[in-house]
Protein backbone atom coordinates (compact mmCIF):
# COMPACT_ATOMS: atom_id res chain seq x y z
CA UNK A 1 -88.52 -102.11 144.24
CA UNK A 2 -90.59 -102.82 141.12
CA UNK A 3 -88.92 -99.89 139.35
CA UNK A 4 -85.48 -101.10 140.45
CA UNK A 5 -86.13 -104.48 138.83
CA UNK A 6 -87.98 -103.13 135.78
CA UNK A 7 -84.94 -103.40 133.53
CA UNK A 8 -84.94 -107.15 134.17
CA UNK A 9 -88.63 -107.95 134.61
CA UNK A 10 -90.29 -105.50 132.23
CA UNK A 11 -93.17 -105.33 134.70
CA UNK A 12 -94.68 -102.89 137.16
CA UNK A 13 -97.10 -104.91 139.27
CA UNK A 14 -99.18 -106.83 136.68
CA UNK A 15 -98.48 -104.40 133.86
CA UNK A 16 -96.03 -104.97 131.02
CA UNK A 17 -94.06 -101.73 130.78
CA UNK A 18 -91.55 -100.77 128.11
CA UNK A 19 -88.11 -99.77 129.32
CA UNK A 20 -84.85 -98.68 127.68
CA UNK A 21 -81.93 -100.49 129.35
CA UNK A 22 -78.30 -99.37 129.09
CA UNK A 23 -75.39 -101.48 130.34
CA UNK A 24 -75.28 -104.44 132.70
CA UNK A 25 -76.20 -104.49 136.36
CA UNK A 26 -73.09 -103.72 138.44
CA UNK A 27 -71.59 -106.29 140.78
CA UNK A 28 -68.48 -106.84 142.89
CA UNK A 29 -67.55 -105.43 146.26
CA UNK A 30 -70.08 -103.04 147.78
CA UNK A 31 -69.07 -99.87 149.56
CA UNK A 32 -70.14 -97.83 152.58
CA UNK A 33 -68.61 -94.93 154.53
CA UNK A 34 -69.67 -94.26 158.11
CA UNK A 35 -70.35 -90.91 159.75
CA UNK A 36 -72.22 -91.20 163.07
CA UNK A 37 -73.12 -87.51 163.09
CA UNK A 38 -74.82 -87.75 159.69
CA UNK A 39 -76.45 -91.05 160.66
CA UNK A 40 -78.47 -89.05 163.20
CA UNK A 41 -80.25 -87.43 160.26
CA UNK A 42 -80.07 -89.89 157.38
CA UNK A 43 -80.04 -93.37 158.93
CA UNK A 44 -83.82 -93.20 158.99
CA UNK A 45 -86.20 -96.11 158.52
CA UNK A 46 -87.54 -94.39 155.40
CA UNK A 47 -84.14 -93.83 153.81
CA UNK A 48 -82.96 -96.22 151.08
CA UNK A 49 -79.61 -94.56 150.40
CA UNK A 50 -77.76 -91.41 151.42
CA UNK A 51 -74.48 -90.07 150.06
CA UNK A 52 -72.47 -86.94 150.81
CA UNK A 53 -69.64 -85.83 148.55
CA UNK A 54 -67.06 -83.23 149.51
CA UNK A 55 -65.37 -82.21 146.32
CA UNK A 56 -64.92 -85.39 144.30
CA UNK A 57 -64.70 -87.61 147.40
CA UNK A 58 -67.55 -89.57 148.95
CA UNK A 59 -67.36 -88.80 152.68
CA UNK A 60 -70.60 -90.51 153.71
CA UNK A 61 -72.37 -93.47 152.15
CA UNK A 62 -75.11 -95.58 153.72
CA UNK A 63 -77.72 -98.01 152.43
CA UNK A 64 -80.83 -99.60 153.92
CA UNK A 65 -79.56 -103.16 154.27
CA UNK A 66 -82.87 -104.24 155.81
CA UNK A 67 -84.45 -103.53 152.42
CA UNK A 68 -81.67 -105.35 150.59
CA UNK A 69 -80.12 -102.12 149.30
CA UNK A 70 -76.38 -101.83 148.66
CA UNK A 71 -74.09 -99.71 146.50
CA UNK A 72 -74.91 -101.77 143.37
CA UNK A 73 -78.68 -101.56 143.74
CA UNK A 74 -80.37 -99.45 141.02
CA UNK A 75 -82.76 -96.92 142.53
CA UNK A 76 -85.60 -94.81 141.16
CA UNK A 77 -85.02 -91.05 141.23
CA UNK A 78 -88.71 -90.13 140.81
CA UNK A 79 -88.88 -86.49 139.66
CA UNK A 80 -85.12 -86.06 139.90
CA UNK A 81 -85.43 -87.63 136.44
CA UNK A 82 -86.74 -84.27 135.22
CA UNK A 83 -83.28 -82.75 135.65
CA UNK A 84 -81.86 -85.46 133.39
CA UNK A 85 -84.49 -84.48 130.81
CA UNK A 86 -83.39 -80.87 131.19
CA UNK A 87 -79.76 -81.91 130.65
CA UNK A 88 -80.72 -83.63 127.39
CA UNK A 89 -82.30 -80.38 126.16
CA UNK A 90 -79.11 -78.55 127.16
CA UNK A 91 -76.96 -80.85 125.05
CA UNK A 92 -79.06 -80.08 121.95
CA UNK A 93 -78.65 -76.37 122.61
CA UNK A 94 -74.91 -76.85 123.00
CA UNK A 95 -74.48 -78.75 119.74
CA UNK A 96 -76.55 -76.21 117.82
CA UNK A 97 -79.49 -78.42 116.91
CA UNK A 98 -81.64 -76.27 119.17
CA UNK A 99 -80.88 -72.69 118.14
CA UNK A 100 -82.38 -70.78 121.07
CA UNK A 101 -84.38 -71.45 124.21
CA UNK A 102 -86.70 -68.68 123.08
CA UNK A 103 -87.63 -70.55 119.90
CA UNK A 104 -91.11 -72.05 119.73
CA UNK A 105 -91.42 -75.79 120.34
CA UNK A 106 -93.51 -76.07 117.18
CA UNK A 107 -90.51 -74.87 115.13
CA UNK A 108 -88.79 -78.19 115.88
CA UNK A 109 -91.56 -80.75 116.37
CA UNK A 110 -94.30 -81.55 113.88
CA UNK A 111 -96.24 -83.29 116.66
CA UNK A 112 -96.05 -80.37 119.09
CA UNK A 113 -97.33 -78.12 116.29
CA UNK A 114 -100.63 -80.02 116.62
CA UNK A 115 -100.86 -79.25 120.36
CA UNK A 116 -101.14 -76.14 122.55
CA UNK A 117 -97.33 -76.24 122.77
CA UNK A 118 -96.96 -75.07 119.16
CA UNK A 119 -96.18 -71.44 120.08
CA UNK A 120 -94.69 -72.02 123.54
CA UNK A 121 -90.99 -71.23 123.95
CA UNK A 122 -88.63 -74.02 124.94
CA UNK A 123 -87.61 -71.85 127.91
CA UNK A 124 -91.14 -71.72 129.27
CA UNK A 125 -91.54 -75.49 128.90
CA UNK A 126 -88.27 -76.03 130.76
CA UNK A 127 -89.53 -73.85 133.59
CA UNK A 128 -93.00 -75.44 133.85
CA UNK A 129 -94.28 -72.09 132.65
CA UNK A 130 -95.98 -73.14 129.41
CA UNK A 131 -99.47 -72.21 130.55
CA UNK A 132 -100.82 -75.41 128.99
CA UNK A 133 -101.92 -77.29 132.13
CA UNK A 134 -104.57 -75.84 134.47
CA UNK A 135 -103.21 -74.68 137.83
CA UNK A 136 -102.84 -77.64 140.18
CA UNK A 137 -102.16 -81.31 139.60
CA UNK A 138 -105.62 -82.85 139.83
CA UNK A 139 -105.35 -84.55 136.43
CA UNK A 140 -101.69 -85.52 136.63
CA UNK A 141 -102.26 -89.14 137.61
CA UNK A 142 -104.17 -89.62 134.34
CA UNK A 143 -101.21 -88.24 132.37
CA UNK A 144 -98.76 -90.47 134.21
CA UNK A 145 -100.80 -93.63 133.72
CA UNK A 146 -101.37 -92.95 130.03
CA UNK A 147 -97.68 -92.32 129.30
CA UNK A 148 -96.53 -95.43 131.24
CA UNK A 149 -99.36 -97.68 130.12
CA UNK A 150 -100.67 -98.80 133.51
CA UNK A 151 -104.06 -99.00 135.25
CA UNK A 152 -106.87 -98.34 132.74
CA UNK A 153 -104.26 -97.53 130.04
CA UNK A 154 -102.65 -100.99 130.23
CA UNK A 155 -101.04 -101.87 126.92
CA UNK A 156 -101.60 -98.36 125.55
CA UNK A 157 -98.56 -96.43 126.83
CA UNK A 158 -98.46 -93.24 124.78
CA UNK A 159 -96.64 -90.01 125.70
CA UNK A 160 -98.08 -88.17 122.71
CA UNK A 161 -101.53 -89.48 123.53
CA UNK A 162 -101.20 -88.05 127.03
CA UNK A 163 -100.19 -84.65 125.64
CA UNK A 164 -103.22 -84.77 123.34
CA UNK A 165 -105.45 -84.65 126.44
CA UNK A 166 -105.04 -80.86 126.27
CA UNK A 167 -106.86 -79.22 123.36
CA UNK A 168 -106.01 -75.67 124.40
CA UNK A 169 -103.79 -73.84 126.86
CA UNK A 170 -105.20 -72.86 130.23
CA UNK A 171 -103.50 -69.41 130.31
CA UNK A 172 -100.77 -67.35 128.67
CA UNK A 173 -97.27 -68.81 128.70
CA UNK A 174 -94.87 -67.25 131.18
CA UNK A 175 -97.70 -66.11 133.43
CA UNK A 176 -97.68 -68.64 136.29
CA UNK A 177 -95.44 -71.63 136.89
CA UNK A 178 -97.38 -74.89 137.39
CA UNK A 179 -95.51 -78.05 138.38
CA UNK A 180 -97.01 -80.80 136.21
CA UNK A 181 -95.91 -83.86 134.22
CA UNK A 182 -97.16 -82.47 130.92
CA UNK A 183 -94.33 -79.98 130.29
CA UNK A 184 -91.63 -82.58 130.89
CA UNK A 185 -93.40 -85.00 128.55
CA UNK A 186 -93.41 -82.24 125.92
CA UNK A 187 -89.63 -81.98 126.32
CA UNK A 188 -89.35 -85.73 125.65
CA UNK A 189 -91.12 -85.34 122.31
CA UNK A 190 -89.15 -82.18 121.48
CA UNK A 191 -85.78 -83.85 122.06
CA UNK A 192 -86.80 -86.98 120.15
CA UNK A 193 -88.03 -84.99 117.16
CA UNK A 194 -84.81 -82.93 117.06
CA UNK A 195 -82.36 -85.77 117.68
CA UNK A 196 -84.18 -88.54 115.85
CA UNK A 197 -83.89 -90.84 118.87
CA UNK A 198 -85.44 -91.06 122.35
CA UNK A 199 -84.43 -88.59 125.02
CA UNK A 200 -83.01 -91.46 127.11
CA UNK A 201 -80.53 -92.19 124.29
CA UNK A 202 -79.48 -88.53 124.16
CA UNK A 203 -78.99 -88.41 127.92
CA UNK A 204 -77.09 -91.70 127.96
CA UNK A 205 -74.75 -90.76 125.14
CA UNK A 206 -74.07 -87.11 125.92
CA UNK A 207 -74.39 -86.89 129.71
CA UNK A 208 -74.53 -90.23 131.55
CA UNK A 209 -71.37 -91.65 130.00
CA UNK A 210 -69.43 -88.59 131.17
CA UNK A 211 -70.08 -89.20 134.88
CA UNK A 212 -71.17 -92.81 135.43
CA UNK A 213 -68.97 -95.18 137.33
CA UNK A 214 -71.41 -98.11 137.38
CA UNK A 215 -72.43 -97.86 133.70
CA UNK A 216 -76.00 -99.03 134.25
CA UNK A 217 -79.27 -97.12 133.85
CA UNK A 218 -82.78 -97.76 132.67
CA UNK A 219 -85.64 -95.42 131.86
CA UNK A 220 -89.29 -96.21 131.16
CA UNK A 221 -90.60 -95.66 127.63
CA UNK A 222 -94.01 -95.75 125.97
CA UNK A 223 -95.02 -98.27 123.31
CA UNK A 224 -93.19 -96.30 120.58
CA UNK A 225 -89.99 -95.91 122.63
CA UNK A 226 -90.56 -92.31 123.69
CA UNK A 227 -89.03 -91.66 127.12
CA UNK A 228 -91.36 -91.17 130.11
CA UNK A 229 -89.43 -88.15 131.32
CA UNK A 230 -91.35 -86.84 134.32
CA UNK A 231 -89.98 -89.74 136.41
CA UNK A 232 -88.69 -93.32 136.07
CA UNK A 233 -84.93 -92.88 135.54
CA UNK A 234 -83.12 -95.57 137.53
CA UNK A 235 -79.39 -95.54 138.41
CA UNK A 236 -77.26 -96.61 141.34
CA UNK A 237 -77.14 -94.18 144.25
CA UNK A 238 -73.47 -93.43 143.55
CA UNK A 239 -74.29 -92.56 139.95
CA UNK A 240 -77.07 -90.25 141.11
CA UNK A 241 -74.51 -88.52 143.35
CA UNK A 242 -72.00 -88.42 140.50
CA UNK A 243 -74.64 -86.83 138.28
CA UNK A 244 -75.04 -84.05 140.82
CA UNK A 245 -71.29 -83.59 141.04
CA UNK A 246 -71.04 -83.52 137.25
CA UNK A 247 -73.56 -80.68 136.99
CA UNK A 248 -71.81 -78.78 139.79
CA UNK A 249 -68.47 -79.13 137.99
CA UNK A 250 -69.88 -78.12 134.60
CA UNK A 251 -71.48 -75.03 136.13
CA UNK A 252 -68.20 -74.02 137.77
CA UNK A 253 -66.20 -74.59 134.59
CA UNK A 254 -68.61 -72.47 132.62
CA UNK A 255 -68.98 -75.17 129.98
CA UNK A 256 -71.89 -74.83 127.57
CA UNK A 257 -74.02 -77.28 129.58
CA UNK A 258 -72.92 -75.58 132.80
CA UNK A 259 -73.89 -72.18 131.40
CA UNK A 260 -77.29 -73.64 130.45
CA UNK A 261 -78.00 -74.69 134.02
CA UNK A 262 -76.49 -71.47 135.43
CA UNK A 263 -78.98 -69.53 133.35
CA UNK A 264 -81.76 -71.65 134.83
CA UNK A 265 -80.61 -70.76 138.35
CA UNK A 266 -80.08 -67.07 137.60
CA UNK A 267 -83.47 -66.67 135.92
CA UNK A 268 -85.46 -69.13 138.04
CA UNK A 269 -89.18 -68.38 138.23
CA UNK A 270 -91.37 -68.11 141.29
CA UNK A 271 -93.11 -71.28 142.43
CA UNK A 272 -96.19 -71.76 144.62
CA UNK A 273 -93.76 -72.39 147.50
CA UNK A 274 -92.06 -69.09 148.41
CA UNK A 275 -89.05 -70.93 149.85
CA UNK A 276 -87.88 -72.16 146.43
CA UNK A 277 -87.88 -71.26 142.75
CA UNK A 278 -87.83 -73.29 139.55
CA UNK A 279 -85.04 -73.33 136.99
CA UNK A 280 -84.56 -75.61 134.00
CA UNK A 281 -86.28 -78.80 135.24
CA UNK A 282 -84.61 -78.28 138.61
CA UNK A 283 -85.26 -76.39 141.82
CA UNK A 284 -83.43 -73.48 143.42
CA UNK A 285 -83.23 -73.41 147.23
CA UNK A 286 -81.49 -70.98 149.55
CA UNK A 287 -78.63 -72.83 151.28
CA UNK A 288 -76.04 -70.98 153.33
CA UNK A 289 -77.50 -67.75 152.01
CA UNK A 290 -76.97 -68.62 148.35
CA UNK A 291 -79.27 -69.80 145.55
CA UNK A 292 -78.56 -73.52 145.33
CA UNK A 293 -79.26 -76.00 142.54
CA UNK A 294 -81.37 -78.97 143.64
CA UNK A 295 -82.99 -82.06 142.16
CA UNK A 296 -86.19 -83.13 143.91
CA UNK A 297 -88.46 -86.17 143.77
CA UNK A 298 -91.63 -87.43 145.42
CA UNK A 299 -91.15 -89.33 148.65
CA UNK A 300 -87.80 -87.84 149.56
CA UNK A 301 -85.43 -87.96 146.57
CA UNK A 302 -83.06 -84.99 146.75
CA UNK A 303 -79.74 -83.90 145.31
CA UNK A 304 -78.56 -80.59 146.79
CA UNK A 305 -75.47 -79.03 145.18
CA UNK A 306 -74.00 -76.56 147.66
CA UNK A 307 -71.26 -74.51 146.00
CA UNK A 308 -70.49 -72.61 149.22
CA UNK A 309 -69.27 -75.79 150.97
CA UNK A 310 -68.44 -77.79 147.82
CA UNK A 311 -70.82 -80.55 148.89
CA UNK A 312 -73.32 -82.81 147.16
CA UNK A 313 -76.08 -84.29 149.32
CA UNK A 314 -78.13 -87.22 148.02
CA UNK A 315 -81.11 -88.79 149.74
CA UNK A 316 -83.19 -91.56 148.16
CA UNK A 317 -86.21 -92.44 150.26
CA UNK A 318 -89.70 -93.89 150.10
CA UNK A 319 -91.19 -91.40 152.57
CA UNK A 320 -90.01 -87.90 153.39
CA UNK A 321 -91.17 -87.91 157.02
CA UNK A 322 -87.82 -88.52 158.70
CA UNK A 323 -87.55 -88.51 162.49
CA UNK A 324 -85.06 -85.63 162.21
CA UNK A 325 -87.57 -83.60 160.20
CA UNK A 326 -89.62 -83.70 157.03
CA UNK A 327 -87.22 -83.63 154.08
CA UNK A 328 -89.31 -81.21 152.01
CA UNK A 329 -89.32 -78.72 154.87
CA UNK A 330 -85.77 -79.30 156.11
CA UNK A 331 -83.55 -80.42 153.24
CA UNK A 332 -81.85 -76.99 152.97
CA UNK A 333 -81.16 -77.00 156.72
CA UNK A 334 -79.76 -80.53 156.52
CA UNK A 335 -77.49 -79.49 153.65
CA UNK A 336 -76.21 -76.62 155.81
CA UNK A 337 -75.13 -79.12 158.48
CA UNK A 338 -72.62 -80.80 156.16
CA UNK A 339 -68.92 -80.09 156.73
């Protein structure tokens, strides 16, 4: 709830947090669409919003009214935000400012040249395969707090400062994928140094405006305006679903951005979880026997784009332990139940 209101309050708990705000909060008539069969899965006490799209039509839409959630309420996507960061990188590739995903990050960013990312390919950063962070996530909370400027880093939000925590890489790039905030923060700096403006601006201008119906988003930034990319993107639930549909459509059309994400799916790397792989800041699940593009976020944020049934499934939750089954273990099975 604090993240939902951040665009207005500028605060997370007692901490003043910088945020880039785009548009005005939506208002007017709210919407829902009932489906008792899907309620058996998604009308869970932990669910904040759930949407199913079939083609371009919303066929199921529910909100947690007990929490004050409706179709206008802006909701945090947690690590689904990483896919938006990936999309921003894709737009720079498509307009030629990024020449190749196999180029070194240090070729484009004077800051990243001073870090272990200097010789890492953009591709390996996109796939959490930079080799910079040690295996595991034991130090990730420190990175997150430093970049946001909370806890013992209050008033000192600094994405570049967080990246400076690493003085050397832990292993060779491309060797082992490690899911960690650091690579997505490196993408934020890379995009900003190429585009001359924060990644959130690039995403808003070149991606968000192409799919948004509600025209409102906000995204946390550090004290210099650099986007906190590993999380913190806030949109309405319907715009999250529209984002998923937009990527699905671009992939099918074979547009430049679609081809970018298709390459991520085709060449996804192994993850520590054998049931899924990692593409370009997105996950690849097996749904209905096919590799399936998915956004994923802590606590039960999922967007599953099932080409075989032409469906988009969105869940936004604050705990993944649904009565029907843990979302992280069962989201592919739930997606297969959609008509």
